[in-house]
Amino acid sequence: MHFGISVPTHGDYADARVLAEMAREAEDAGWEGFFVWDHLNDVDGPLADPWVALSAIAMRTRRIRLGPMLTPLPRRRPWKVARETATLDRLSDGRLVLGVGLGYPRDEEFEAFGEDGDERVRAGKLDESLDILRGLWTGEPFEYSGEHFTVRPTTFLPRPVQEPGIPVWVGGYWPNRAPFRRAARWDGVYPGRLTKERRAKWTPRLWPLEDVREMVAYVAAHRVRPEPADVVIGGYTAGTDRNADADVTAPYAEAGVTWWVENLHSFRGSFEDMRARLRLGPPVR
């Protein structure tokens, strides 16, 4: 199992230089991934652009994988994302992972700017955007005609470094099934969870292992590629003893999780507490 860090881009983190320095510290501490949130509108304070921050991160690191977790493709133009991701993949020497989803919340991220927040519309835009990304990343002549997007014959160069393209992790809220069928067509899944009582969206501190096993089996059953998909779980460990933290994460590896992403944000303590957790390193013995 691989280990990454997830950080927001608001508040104390709303500075691309700070995020780049944290990514360098994460790499030095042994983390394998550094992922940033992608939000457009934070009504409570400052917010950094994740794509500018990822460029700074790429320049300050050498080995760690990086990417947005998750970028809301339905509010982006897919050809612009294709250009940005190919450039960033080359800048980072092939270390980019593209996390994608419908986007949340619909009011602040979509409707506040005149965008359609309907989930069916966003799902359609997401699927078409992914098809367009895959086509433009080939560096070959490409055209597309869909319900939401049209691309006249064009060729995008240079290509990304990674072959056959940049890995795509698809977000979704379990136990909804449609996002996980979508993820099975791509490279991985990064789930949140819906509570049974209120259908509220959240990421638990520790996922119930029975849910994880069910997700892993569901994605595998709908897989259309020969290689298995990544299953990326976000969660929290205590961050005071690496051996104890490894005891927490080991059952998830046995259940089929390929990436554990530590949710490092201010809900757990002060900004300096978060930096100390990052410097301790991943939960491995």
C-alpha atoms as a PDB file:
ATOM      1  CA  MET A   1       0.000   0.000   0.000  1.00  0.00           C
ATOM      2  CA  HIS A   2       1.154   3.522  -0.834  1.00  0.00           C
ATOM      3  CA  PHE A   3       0.785   6.502   1.473  1.00  0.00           C
ATOM      4  CA  GLY A   4      -0.148  10.067   0.595  1.00  0.00           C
ATOM      5  CA  ILE A   5      -1.184  13.353   2.168  1.00  0.00           C
ATOM      6  CA  SER A   6      -4.313  15.375   1.384  1.00  0.00           C
ATOM      7  CA  VAL A   7      -4.365  19.082   2.226  1.00  0.00           C
ATOM      8  CA  PRO A   8      -6.892  21.864   1.631  1.00  0.00           C
ATOM      9  CA  THR A   9      -6.096  25.091  -0.193  1.00  0.00           C
ATOM     10  CA  HIS A  10      -7.861  27.505   2.150  1.00  0.00           C
ATOM     11  CA  GLY A  11      -7.021  29.317   5.373  1.00  0.00           C
ATOM     12  CA  ASP A  12      -3.424  28.711   6.472  1.00  0.00           C
ATOM     13  CA  TYR A  13      -2.931  26.637   3.309  1.00  0.00           C
ATOM     14  CA  ALA A  14      -4.022  29.385   0.890  1.00  0.00           C
ATOM     15  CA  ASP A  15      -0.467  30.088  -0.264  1.00  0.00           C
ATOM     16  CA  ALA A  16       1.165  28.147  -3.083  1.00  0.00           C
ATOM     17  CA  ARG A  17       4.606  28.657  -1.519  1.00  0.00           C
ATOM     18  CA  VAL A  18       3.457  27.095   1.756  1.00  0.00           C
ATOM     19  CA  LEU A  19       1.941  24.120  -0.066  1.00  0.00           C
ATOM     20  CA  ALA A  20       5.118  23.618  -2.104  1.00  0.00           C
ATOM     21  CA  GLU A  21       7.239  23.669   1.056  1.00  0.00           C
ATOM     22  CA  MET A  22       4.903  21.167   2.722  1.00  0.00           C
ATOM     23  CA  ALA A  23       5.166  18.872  -0.301  1.00  0.00           C
ATOM     24  CA  ARG A  24       8.955  18.968  -0.078  1.00  0.00           C
ATOM     25  CA  GLU A  25       8.750  18.103   3.636  1.00  0.00           C
ATOM     26  CA  ALA A  26       6.322  15.268   2.832  1.00  0.00           C
ATOM     27  CA  GLU A  27       8.724  13.852   0.252  1.00  0.00           C
ATOM     28  CA  ASP A  28      11.611  14.054   2.704  1.00  0.00           C
ATOM     29  CA  ALA A  29       9.500  12.298   5.358  1.00  0.00           C
ATOM     30  CA  GLY A  30       8.742   9.357   3.065  1.00  0.00           C
ATOM     31  CA  TRP A  31       5.221  10.091   1.847  1.00  0.00           C
ATOM     32  CA  GLU A  32       4.556   8.938  -1.723  1.00  0.00           C
ATOM     33  CA  GLY A  33       1.775  11.353  -2.706  1.00  0.00           C
ATOM     34  CA  PHE A  34       0.789  14.956  -2.015  1.00  0.00           C
ATOM     35  CA  PHE A  35      -2.730  15.898  -3.088  1.00  0.00           C
ATOM     36  CA  VAL A  36      -4.578  19.210  -2.825  1.00  0.00           C
ATOM     37  CA  TRP A  37      -8.247  20.115  -2.776  1.00  0.00           C
ATOM     38  CA  ASP A  38      -9.775  21.835  -5.798  1.00  0.00           C
ATOM     39  CA  HIS A  39     -12.392  24.376  -4.751  1.00  0.00           C
ATOM     40  CA  LEU A  40     -13.335  27.625  -6.423  1.00  0.00           C
ATOM     41  CA  ASN A  41     -15.307  29.440  -3.761  1.00  0.00           C
ATOM     42  CA  ASP A  42     -14.592  29.645  -0.030  1.00  0.00           C
ATOM     43  CA  VAL A  43     -16.960  32.151   1.488  1.00  0.00           C
ATOM     44  CA  ASP A  44     -15.149  32.063   4.838  1.00  0.00           C
ATOM     45  CA  GLY A  45     -11.647  33.125   3.836  1.00  0.00           C
ATOM     46  CA  PRO A  46      -8.733  33.038   1.403  1.00  0.00           C
ATOM     47  CA  LEU A  47      -8.350  30.270  -1.143  1.00  0.00           C
ATOM     48  CA  ALA A  48      -5.412  29.285  -3.369  1.00  0.00           C
ATOM     49  CA  ASP A  49      -5.743  28.056  -6.926  1.00  0.00           C
ATOM     50  CA  PRO A  50      -4.792  24.352  -6.872  1.00  0.00           C
ATOM     51  CA  TRP A  51      -3.289  24.292 -10.373  1.00  0.00           C
ATOM     52  CA  VAL A  52      -0.867  27.117  -9.658  1.00  0.00           C
ATOM     53  CA  ALA A  53      -0.023  25.411  -6.362  1.00  0.00           C
ATOM     54  CA  LEU A  54       0.579  22.064  -8.117  1.00  0.00           C
ATOM     55  CA  SER A  55       3.020  23.736 -10.490  1.00  0.00           C
ATOM     56  CA  ALA A  56       4.939  25.108  -7.506  1.00  0.00           C
ATOM     57  CA  ILE A  57       4.831  21.666  -5.876  1.00  0.00           C
ATOM     58  CA  ALA A  58       6.180  20.012  -9.030  1.00  0.00           C
ATOM     59  CA  MET A  59       9.143  22.395  -9.012  1.00  0.00           C
ATOM     60  CA  ARG A  60       9.983  21.773  -5.339  1.00  0.00           C
ATOM     61  CA  THR A  61       9.817  17.961  -5.408  1.00  0.00           C
ATOM     62  CA  ARG A  62      11.414  15.114  -7.348  1.00  0.00           C
ATOM     63  CA  ARG A  63       9.729  11.809  -6.478  1.00  0.00           C
ATOM     64  CA  ILE A  64       6.357  12.323  -4.822  1.00  0.00           C
ATOM     65  CA  ARG A  65       3.178  11.922  -6.860  1.00  0.00           C
ATOM     66  CA  LEU A  66       0.894  14.951  -6.939  1.00  0.00           C
ATOM     67  CA  GLY A  67      -2.517  16.008  -8.126  1.00  0.00           C
ATOM     68  CA  PRO A  68      -5.929  17.503  -7.368  1.00  0.00           C
ATOM     69  CA  MET A  69      -8.259  15.485  -5.156  1.00  0.00           C
ATOM     70  CA  LEU A  70     -10.683  16.031  -6.685  1.00  0.00           C
ATOM     71  CA  THR A  71     -11.083  18.464  -9.566  1.00  0.00           C
ATOM     72  CA  PRO A  72     -14.738  19.076 -10.571  1.00  0.00           C
ATOM     73  CA  LEU A  73     -14.542  18.480 -14.320  1.00  0.00           C
ATOM     74  CA  PRO A  74     -18.171  19.570 -14.922  1.00  0.00           C
ATOM     75  CA  ARG A  75     -17.209  23.189 -14.188  1.00  0.00           C
ATOM     76  CA  ARG A  76     -14.057  23.038 -16.337  1.00  0.00           C
ATOM     77  CA  ARG A  77     -13.479  23.124 -20.076  1.00  0.00           C
ATOM     78  CA  PRO A  78     -11.965  19.702 -20.854  1.00  0.00           C
ATOM     79  CA  TRP A  79      -9.578  21.007 -23.530  1.00  0.00           C
ATOM     80  CA  LYS A  80      -8.187  23.516 -21.025  1.00  0.00           C
ATOM     81  CA  VAL A  81      -7.733  20.708 -18.501  1.00  0.00           C
ATOM     82  CA  ALA A  82      -6.033  18.598 -21.187  1.00  0.00           C
ATOM     83  CA  ARG A  83      -3.527  21.369 -21.824  1.00  0.00           C
ATOM     84  CA  GLU A  84      -2.933  22.003 -18.114  1.00  0.00           C
ATOM     85  CA  THR A  85      -2.515  18.347 -17.195  1.00  0.00           C
ATOM     86  CA  ALA A  86      -0.168  17.533 -20.076  1.00  0.00           C
ATOM     87  CA  THR A  87       1.990  20.525 -19.161  1.00  0.00           C
ATOM     88  CA  LEU A  88       1.983  19.636 -15.465  1.00  0.00           C
ATOM     89  CA  ASP A  89       2.768  15.978 -16.164  1.00  0.00           C
ATOM     90  CA  ARG A  90       5.790  17.027 -18.193  1.00  0.00           C
ATOM     91  CA  LEU A  91       6.833  19.588 -15.591  1.00  0.00           C
ATOM     92  CA  SER A  92       6.765  16.883 -12.903  1.00  0.00           C
ATOM     93  CA  ASP A  93       8.458  14.219 -15.071  1.00  0.00           C
ATOM     94  CA  GLY A  94       5.367  12.037 -15.123  1.00  0.00           C
ATOM     95  CA  ARG A  95       4.182  12.282 -11.514  1.00  0.00           C
ATOM     96  CA  LEU A  96       0.670  13.678 -11.974  1.00  0.00           C
ATOM     97  CA  VAL A  97      -2.474  11.851 -10.860  1.00  0.00           C
ATOM     98  CA  LEU A  98      -5.770  13.414 -11.924  1.00  0.00           C
ATOM     99  CA  GLY A  99      -8.570  13.036  -9.400  1.00  0.00           C
ATOM    100  CA  VAL A 100     -11.995  13.911 -10.809  1.00  0.00           C
ATOM    101  CA  GLY A 101     -15.568  14.132  -9.591  1.00  0.00           C
ATOM    102  CA  LEU A 102     -18.912  15.869 -10.007  1.00  0.00           C
ATOM    103  CA  GLY A 103     -17.957  18.710  -7.668  1.00  0.00           C
ATOM    104  CA  TYR A 104     -19.345  19.732  -4.282  1.00  0.00           C
ATOM    105  CA  PRO A 105     -21.193  21.719  -3.055  1.00  0.00           C
ATOM    106  CA  ARG A 106     -23.431  22.420  -6.013  1.00  0.00           C
ATOM    107  CA  ASP A 107     -24.593  25.831  -4.775  1.00  0.00           C
ATOM    108  CA  GLU A 108     -21.237  27.462  -3.951  1.00  0.00           C
ATOM    109  CA  GLU A 109     -19.207  25.774  -6.702  1.00  0.00           C
ATOM    110  CA  PHE A 110     -21.727  25.850  -9.573  1.00  0.00           C
ATOM    111  CA  GLU A 111     -24.971  27.743  -9.089  1.00  0.00           C
ATOM    112  CA  ALA A 112     -23.293  30.774  -7.514  1.00  0.00           C
ATOM    113  CA  PHE A 113     -21.588  31.337 -10.893  1.00  0.00           C
ATOM    114  CA  GLY A 114     -24.537  30.538 -13.151  1.00  0.00           C
ATOM    115  CA  GLU A 115     -23.484  26.922 -13.780  1.00  0.00           C
ATOM    116  CA  ASP A 116     -26.009  24.082 -13.836  1.00  0.00           C
ATOM    117  CA  GLY A 117     -25.822  22.207 -10.533  1.00  0.00           C
ATOM    118  CA  ASP A 118     -28.096  19.325 -11.543  1.00  0.00           C
ATOM    119  CA  GLU A 119     -26.325  16.036 -10.794  1.00  0.00           C
ATOM    120  CA  ARG A 120     -27.421  14.352 -14.026  1.00  0.00           C
ATOM    121  CA  VAL A 121     -26.085  17.255 -16.080  1.00  0.00           C
ATOM    122  CA  ARG A 122     -22.810  17.237 -14.154  1.00  0.00           C
ATOM    123  CA  ALA A 123     -22.483  13.458 -14.575  1.00  0.00           C
ATOM    124  CA  GLY A 124     -22.929  13.808 -18.323  1.00  0.00           C
ATOM    125  CA  LYS A 125     -20.317  16.553 -18.483  1.00  0.00           C
ATOM    126  CA  LEU A 126     -17.925  14.472 -16.406  1.00  0.00           C
ATOM    127  CA  ASP A 127     -18.153  11.458 -18.712  1.00  0.00           C
ATOM    128  CA  GLU A 128     -17.764  13.549 -21.857  1.00  0.00           C
ATOM    129  CA  SER A 129     -14.841  15.461 -20.354  1.00  0.00           C
ATOM    130  CA  LEU A 130     -13.036  12.209 -19.556  1.00  0.00           C
ATOM    131  CA  ASP A 131     -13.535  10.985 -23.115  1.00  0.00           C
ATOM    132  CA  ILE A 132     -12.132  14.264 -24.457  1.00  0.00           C
ATOM    133  CA  LEU A 133      -9.144  14.173 -22.121  1.00  0.00           C
ATOM    134  CA  ARG A 134      -8.304  10.654 -23.198  1.00  0.00           C
ATOM    135  CA  GLY A 135      -8.545  11.659 -26.865  1.00  0.00           C
ATOM    136  CA  LEU A 136      -6.492  14.835 -26.613  1.00  0.00           C
ATOM    137  CA  TRP A 137      -3.785  13.138 -24.503  1.00  0.00           C
ATOM    138  CA  THR A 138      -3.010  10.779 -27.394  1.00  0.00           C
ATOM    139  CA  GLY A 139      -1.358  13.548 -29.393  1.00  0.00           C
ATOM    140  CA  GLU A 140      -3.184  12.192 -32.452  1.00  0.00           C
ATOM    141  CA  PRO A 141      -5.880  13.903 -34.543  1.00  0.00           C
ATOM    142  CA  PHE A 142      -9.073  13.908 -32.476  1.00  0.00           C
ATOM    143  CA  GLU A 143     -12.646  15.132 -32.782  1.00  0.00           C
ATOM    144  CA  TYR A 144     -15.695  14.764 -30.589  1.00  0.00           C
ATOM    145  CA  SER A 145     -19.417  15.466 -30.655  1.00  0.00           C
ATOM    146  CA  GLY A 146     -21.431  15.048 -27.494  1.00  0.00           C
ATOM    147  CA  GLU A 147     -24.459  16.473 -25.759  1.00  0.00           C
ATOM    148  CA  HIS A 148     -22.408  19.016 -23.820  1.00  0.00           C
ATOM    149  CA  PHE A 149     -19.100  19.414 -25.659  1.00  0.00           C
ATOM    150  CA  THR A 150     -17.858  19.519 -29.228  1.00  0.00           C
ATOM    151  CA  VAL A 151     -14.269  19.337 -30.457  1.00  0.00           C
ATOM    152  CA  ARG A 152     -13.512  19.926 -34.116  1.00  0.00           C
ATOM    153  CA  PRO A 153     -10.592  17.949 -35.572  1.00  0.00           C
ATOM    154  CA  THR A 154      -7.506  18.979 -33.647  1.00  0.00           C
ATOM    155  CA  THR A 155      -4.198  17.643 -32.329  1.00  0.00           C
ATOM    156  CA  PHE A 156      -2.817  18.492 -28.904  1.00  0.00           C
ATOM    157  CA  LEU A 157       0.963  18.378 -28.455  1.00  0.00           C
ATOM    158  CA  PRO A 158       3.064  17.696 -26.551  1.00  0.00           C
ATOM    159  CA  ARG A 159       1.638  14.553 -25.030  1.00  0.00           C
ATOM    160  CA  PRO A 160       1.833  13.790 -21.306  1.00  0.00           C
ATOM    161  CA  VAL A 161       4.911  11.856 -20.198  1.00  0.00           C
ATOM    162  CA  GLN A 162       2.895   8.938 -18.832  1.00  0.00           C
ATOM    163  CA  GLU A 163       1.687   6.187 -21.142  1.00  0.00           C
ATOM    164  CA  PRO A 164      -1.035   5.618 -22.201  1.00  0.00           C
ATOM    165  CA  GLY A 165      -2.080   8.719 -20.286  1.00  0.00           C
ATOM    166  CA  ILE A 166      -2.241  10.374 -16.896  1.00  0.00           C
ATOM    167  CA  PRO A 167      -3.802   8.108 -14.224  1.00  0.00           C
ATOM    168  CA  VAL A 168      -7.382   9.136 -13.428  1.00  0.00           C
ATOM    169  CA  TRP A 169      -8.942   8.474 -10.022  1.00  0.00           C
ATOM    170  CA  VAL A 170     -12.712   8.958  -9.915  1.00  0.00           C
ATOM    171  CA  GLY A 171     -14.455  10.199  -6.805  1.00  0.00           C
ATOM    172  CA  GLY A 172     -17.874   9.141  -5.609  1.00  0.00           C
ATOM    173  CA  TYR A 173     -19.952   8.689  -2.484  1.00  0.00           C
ATOM    174  CA  TRP A 174     -20.573   5.146  -1.325  1.00  0.00           C
ATOM    175  CA  PRO A 175     -23.052   3.412  -1.392  1.00  0.00           C
ATOM    176  CA  ASN A 176     -24.028   5.179  -4.656  1.00  0.00           C
ATOM    177  CA  ARG A 177     -23.068   2.737  -7.386  1.00  0.00           C
ATOM    178  CA  ALA A 178     -22.830   4.834 -10.572  1.00  0.00           C
ATOM    179  CA  PRO A 179     -19.556   6.642  -9.639  1.00  0.00           C
ATOM    180  CA  PHE A 180     -17.932   3.290  -8.890  1.00  0.00           C
ATOM    181  CA  ARG A 181     -18.937   1.864 -12.254  1.00  0.00           C
ATOM    182  CA  ARG A 182     -17.378   4.977 -13.802  1.00  0.00           C
ATOM    183  CA  ALA A 183     -14.214   4.494 -11.739  1.00  0.00           C
ATOM    184  CA  ALA A 184     -13.971   0.881 -12.917  1.00  0.00           C
ATOM    185  CA  ARG A 185     -13.435   2.209 -16.453  1.00  0.00           C
ATOM    186  CA  TRP A 186     -10.499   4.361 -15.341  1.00  0.00           C
ATOM    187  CA  ASP A 187      -7.487   3.937 -13.070  1.00  0.00           C
ATOM    188  CA  GLY A 188      -8.846   4.171  -9.558  1.00  0.00           C
ATOM    189  CA  VAL A 189     -11.535   5.268  -7.143  1.00  0.00           C
ATOM    190  CA  TYR A 190     -11.367   7.802  -4.299  1.00  0.00           C
ATOM    191  CA  PRO A 191     -14.585   7.437  -2.281  1.00  0.00           C
ATOM    192  CA  GLY A 192     -16.428   9.489   0.269  1.00  0.00           C
ATOM    193  CA  ARG A 193     -19.350   8.072   2.187  1.00  0.00           C
ATOM    194  CA  LEU A 194     -23.076   8.708   2.513  1.00  0.00           C
ATOM    195  CA  THR A 195     -24.569   8.174   5.943  1.00  0.00           C
ATOM    196  CA  LYS A 196     -27.602   5.910   5.931  1.00  0.00           C
ATOM    197  CA  GLU A 197     -29.573   8.233   8.192  1.00  0.00           C
ATOM    198  CA  ARG A 198     -29.340  11.607   6.421  1.00  0.00           C
ATOM    199  CA  ARG A 199     -27.575  10.773   3.167  1.00  0.00           C
ATOM    200  CA  ALA A 200     -25.018  13.381   4.219  1.00  0.00           C
ATOM    201  CA  LYS A 201     -21.674  13.461   2.411  1.00  0.00           C
ATOM    202  CA  TRP A 202     -18.521  12.967   4.472  1.00  0.00           C
ATOM    203  CA  THR A 203     -15.266  11.059   4.765  1.00  0.00           C
ATOM    204  CA  PRO A 204     -15.051   8.996   7.951  1.00  0.00           C
ATOM    205  CA  ARG A 205     -12.016   8.963  10.204  1.00  0.00           C
ATOM    206  CA  LEU A 206     -11.787   5.221   9.633  1.00  0.00           C
ATOM    207  CA  TRP A 207     -13.783   3.422   6.967  1.00  0.00           C
ATOM    208  CA  PRO A 208     -15.688   0.303   8.080  1.00  0.00           C
ATOM    209  CA  LEU A 209     -13.723  -2.589   6.619  1.00  0.00           C
ATOM    210  CA  GLU A 210     -16.874  -4.332   5.424  1.00  0.00           C
ATOM    211  CA  ASP A 211     -17.675  -1.255   3.289  1.00  0.00           C
ATOM    212  CA  VAL A 212     -14.145  -1.239   1.890  1.00  0.00           C
ATOM    213  CA  ARG A 213     -14.306  -4.909   0.927  1.00  0.00           C
ATOM    214  CA  GLU A 214     -17.679  -4.343  -0.729  1.00  0.00           C
ATOM    215  CA  MET A 215     -16.313  -1.360  -2.700  1.00  0.00           C
ATOM    216  CA  VAL A 216     -13.221  -3.266  -3.803  1.00  0.00           C
ATOM    217  CA  ALA A 217     -15.326  -6.205  -4.970  1.00  0.00           C
ATOM    218  CA  TYR A 218     -17.812  -3.954  -6.775  1.00  0.00           C
ATOM    219  CA  VAL A 219     -15.127  -2.073  -8.714  1.00  0.00           C
ATOM    220  CA  ALA A 220     -13.345  -5.325  -9.585  1.00  0.00           C
ATOM    221  CA  ALA A 221     -16.600  -6.867 -10.849  1.00  0.00           C
ATOM    222  CA  HIS A 222     -17.132  -3.943 -13.229  1.00  0.00           C
ATOM    223  CA  ARG A 223     -13.512  -3.609 -14.306  1.00  0.00           C
ATOM    224  CA  VAL A 224     -12.987  -3.429 -18.080  1.00  0.00           C
ATOM    225  CA  ARG A 225      -9.171  -3.322 -18.039  1.00  0.00           C
ATOM    226  CA  PRO A 226      -6.819  -6.202 -17.278  1.00  0.00           C
ATOM    227  CA  GLU A 227      -4.910  -4.380 -14.545  1.00  0.00           C
ATOM    228  CA  PRO A 228      -6.654  -3.796 -11.193  1.00  0.00           C
ATOM    229  CA  ALA A 229      -7.876  -0.323 -10.273  1.00  0.00           C
ATOM    230  CA  ASP A 230      -6.352   1.672  -7.449  1.00  0.00           C
ATOM    231  CA  VAL A 231      -8.586   1.938  -4.385  1.00  0.00           C
ATOM    232  CA  VAL A 232      -7.725   5.125  -2.522  1.00  0.00           C
ATOM    233  CA  ILE A 233      -9.004   5.588   1.019  1.00  0.00           C
ATOM    234  CA  GLY A 234      -8.816   8.840   2.946  1.00  0.00           C
ATOM    235  CA  GLY A 235      -8.638   8.677   6.719  1.00  0.00           C
ATOM    236  CA  TYR A 236      -6.859   9.752   9.881  1.00  0.00           C
ATOM    237  CA  THR A 237      -4.296   8.056  12.070  1.00  0.00           C
ATOM    238  CA  ALA A 238      -3.179   9.365  15.451  1.00  0.00           C
ATOM    239  CA  GLY A 239       0.158  10.471  14.053  1.00  0.00           C
ATOM    240  CA  THR A 240       2.141   9.973  17.240  1.00  0.00           C
ATOM    241  CA  ASP A 241       3.534   6.448  16.790  1.00  0.00           C
ATOM    242  CA  ARG A 242       4.271   5.031  13.345  1.00  0.00           C
ATOM    243  CA  ASN A 243       4.036   1.407  14.513  1.00  0.00           C
ATOM    244  CA  ALA A 244       0.627   2.004  16.084  1.00  0.00           C
ATOM    245  CA  ASP A 245      -0.522   3.839  12.965  1.00  0.00           C
ATOM    246  CA  ALA A 246       0.667   0.919  10.823  1.00  0.00           C
ATOM    247  CA  ASP A 247      -1.544  -1.383  12.884  1.00  0.00           C
ATOM    248  CA  VAL A 248      -4.485   0.824  11.864  1.00  0.00           C
ATOM    249  CA  THR A 249      -3.763   0.869   8.150  1.00  0.00           C
ATOM    250  CA  ALA A 250      -2.611  -2.755   7.664  1.00  0.00           C
ATOM    251  CA  PRO A 251      -6.157  -4.243   7.571  1.00  0.00           C
ATOM    252  CA  TYR A 252      -7.036  -1.822   4.759  1.00  0.00           C
ATOM    253  CA  ALA A 253      -4.159  -3.109   2.663  1.00  0.00           C
ATOM    254  CA  GLU A 254      -5.399  -6.657   3.283  1.00  0.00           C
ATOM    255  CA  ALA A 255      -8.885  -5.536   2.181  1.00  0.00           C
ATOM    256  CA  GLY A 256      -7.525  -4.342  -1.168  1.00  0.00           C
ATOM    257  CA  VAL A 257      -6.758  -0.660  -0.583  1.00  0.00           C
ATOM    258  CA  THR A 258      -3.755   0.433  -2.662  1.00  0.00           C
ATOM    259  CA  TRP A 259      -3.395   4.023  -1.367  1.00  0.00           C
ATOM    260  CA  TRP A 260      -3.961   5.378   2.128  1.00  0.00           C
ATOM    261  CA  VAL A 261      -4.311   9.175   1.967  1.00  0.00           C
ATOM    262  CA  GLU A 262      -3.956  10.915   5.319  1.00  0.00           C
ATOM    263  CA  ASN A 263      -6.452  13.776   5.500  1.00  0.00           C
ATOM    264  CA  LEU A 264      -4.234  16.513   6.850  1.00  0.00           C
ATOM    265  CA  HIS A 265      -6.392  19.532   7.536  1.00  0.00           C
ATOM    266  CA  SER A 266      -7.363  21.934  10.259  1.00  0.00           C
ATOM    267  CA  PHE A 267     -10.256  19.831  11.549  1.00  0.00           C
ATOM    268  CA  ARG A 268      -7.648  17.869  13.526  1.00  0.00           C
ATOM    269  CA  GLY A 269      -5.814  20.731  15.189  1.00  0.00           C
ATOM    270  CA  SER A 270      -3.678  23.774  14.527  1.00  0.00           C
ATOM    271  CA  PHE A 271      -1.663  24.360  11.386  1.00  0.00           C
ATOM    272  CA  GLU A 272       1.538  23.531  13.251  1.00  0.00           C
ATOM    273  CA  ASP A 273      -0.035  20.283  14.498  1.00  0.00           C
ATOM    274  CA  MET A 274      -0.610  19.372  10.884  1.00  0.00           C
ATOM    275  CA  ARG A 275       2.965  20.142   9.930  1.00  0.00           C
ATOM    276  CA  ALA A 276       4.219  17.975  12.796  1.00  0.00           C
ATOM    277  CA  ARG A 277       2.019  15.102  11.611  1.00  0.00           C
ATOM    278  CA  LEU A 278       3.372  15.455   8.091  1.00  0.00           C
ATOM    279  CA  ARG A 279       6.989  15.393   9.282  1.00  0.00           C
ATOM    280  CA  LEU A 280       6.446  12.204  11.301  1.00  0.00           C
ATOM    281  CA  GLY A 281       6.000  10.377   8.035  1.00  0.00           C
ATOM    282  CA  PRO A 282       3.639   7.658   6.776  1.00  0.00           C
ATOM    283  CA  PRO A 283       2.236   4.899   8.982  1.00  0.00           C
ATOM    284  CA  VAL A 284       4.823   2.245   8.193  1.00  0.00           C
ATOM    285  CA  ARG A 285       7.125   0.248  10.443  1.00  0.00           C
END
